[in-house]
Protein backbone atom coordinates (compact mmCIF):
# COMPACT_ATOMS: atom_id res chain seq x y z
CA MET A 1 -14.23 50.78 -27.21
CA GLN A 2 -16.42 52.10 -30.02
CA GLY A 3 -17.71 50.68 -33.35
CA ILE A 4 -17.25 46.78 -31.95
CA GLU A 5 -19.81 44.77 -32.90
CA PHE A 6 -20.18 40.98 -32.34
CA GLU A 7 -21.93 39.09 -35.11
CA GLU A 8 -25.27 37.41 -32.75
CA ASP A 9 -25.78 33.61 -33.62
CA LYS A 10 -29.96 33.91 -32.64
CA ASN A 11 -30.28 29.73 -33.54
CA PHE A 12 -27.26 29.05 -30.63
CA SER A 13 -29.30 27.94 -27.40
CA GLY A 14 -25.67 27.13 -25.56
CA ILE A 15 -24.31 24.55 -24.10
CA LYS A 16 -26.80 21.50 -23.40
CA SER A 17 -26.60 19.54 -20.46
CA LYS A 18 -27.75 16.80 -19.24
CA ALA A 19 -27.88 16.07 -15.22
CA ILE A 20 -24.95 14.60 -14.17
CA GLU A 21 -25.79 10.38 -13.12
CA PRO A 22 -23.19 9.26 -9.92
CA THR A 23 -20.69 6.83 -11.27
CA VAL A 24 -21.16 3.58 -8.87
CA ALA A 25 -18.65 1.64 -8.00
CA ARG A 26 -18.39 -3.00 -7.81
CA GLN A 27 -18.08 -3.75 -4.53
CA GLY A 28 -14.82 -6.52 -4.63
CA PHE A 29 -14.39 -9.88 -3.50
CA ILE A 30 -13.30 -9.50 -0.64
CA MET A 31 -16.19 -6.08 0.70
CA LYS A 32 -18.16 -8.64 0.11
CA LEU A 33 -16.95 -11.51 2.07
CA MET A 34 -16.77 -9.00 4.46
CA VAL A 35 -20.81 -8.08 4.74
CA ARG A 36 -21.28 -11.64 4.11
CA ILE A 37 -19.49 -12.14 7.55
CA GLY A 38 -21.71 -9.17 8.78
CA PHE A 39 -19.62 -5.94 8.78
CA ALA A 40 -22.44 -3.96 6.97
CA ASP A 41 -20.65 -0.88 7.33
CA ASN A 42 -17.86 -0.03 4.56
CA ALA A 43 -15.47 2.02 6.21
CA THR A 44 -15.40 -0.59 9.21
CA ALA A 45 -15.20 -3.30 7.04
CA ASN A 46 -11.77 -1.24 5.04
CA LEU A 47 -10.38 -1.11 8.77
CA VAL A 48 -10.79 -4.81 9.55
CA LEU A 49 -8.40 -5.16 6.56
CA LEU A 50 -6.57 -2.93 6.89
CA SER A 51 -5.92 -4.24 10.24
CA PHE A 52 -5.02 -7.86 8.66
CA ALA A 53 -2.86 -6.83 6.33
CA ALA A 54 -0.70 -4.94 8.85
CA LEU A 55 -0.23 -7.23 11.35
CA LEU A 56 0.49 -10.28 8.30
CA PHE A 57 3.01 -7.54 7.19
CA GLY A 58 4.63 -7.07 10.46
CA THR A 59 4.65 -10.84 11.71
CA ALA A 60 6.46 -11.05 7.90
CA ILE A 61 8.42 -8.81 9.55
CA PHE A 62 9.54 -10.56 12.66
CA LEU A 63 10.31 -14.04 10.70
CA TYR A 64 12.88 -12.93 8.51
CA ALA A 65 14.49 -10.68 11.03
CA GLU A 66 17.59 -13.01 11.09
CA ILE A 67 17.49 -11.63 6.94
CA LEU A 68 17.41 -7.91 7.53
CA VAL A 69 19.31 -7.65 10.01
CA GLU A 70 23.54 -8.59 9.76
CA PRO A 71 24.31 -11.43 11.95
CA GLU A 72 27.07 -10.60 14.58
CA LYS A 73 30.62 -12.53 13.84
CA ASP A 74 31.64 -15.11 15.89
CA TRP A 75 35.37 -13.81 16.91
CA SER A 76 35.84 -17.57 19.26
CA LEU A 77 36.60 -19.57 15.80
CA ASP A 78 39.06 -16.67 14.52
CA ALA A 79 41.17 -16.42 17.73
CA ARG A 80 41.52 -20.74 18.20
CA ALA A 81 42.74 -20.43 15.09
CA ILE A 82 45.43 -17.97 15.22
CA LEU A 83 45.90 -19.52 18.39
CA GLU A 84 46.56 -22.64 17.19
CA ALA A 85 48.45 -21.56 13.61
CA HIS A 86 50.93 -19.54 16.68
CA GLU A 87 51.52 -22.71 18.37
CA TYR A 88 51.55 -24.67 14.95
CA LYS A 89 55.00 -22.03 14.09
CA ARG A 90 56.93 -22.65 17.43
């Protein structure tokens, strides 16, 4: 490609970049409490909290098992009612 010329800006020095500062997340209340209890490592504290949540979830499922499962029908009452109705017809 011949004959193509680009205009150059002598005053342009490029994109000025600052050093990127790492963002630091604030610790939440529960994590501060876990540190006070004695879990200095965040990973260990997270595992303890996750285990506690799983334990509570399992307990809730166990306690509400009757709600989640359809109860069996008591056929003895229906059989008794049929026999009584059959005897009543006689």
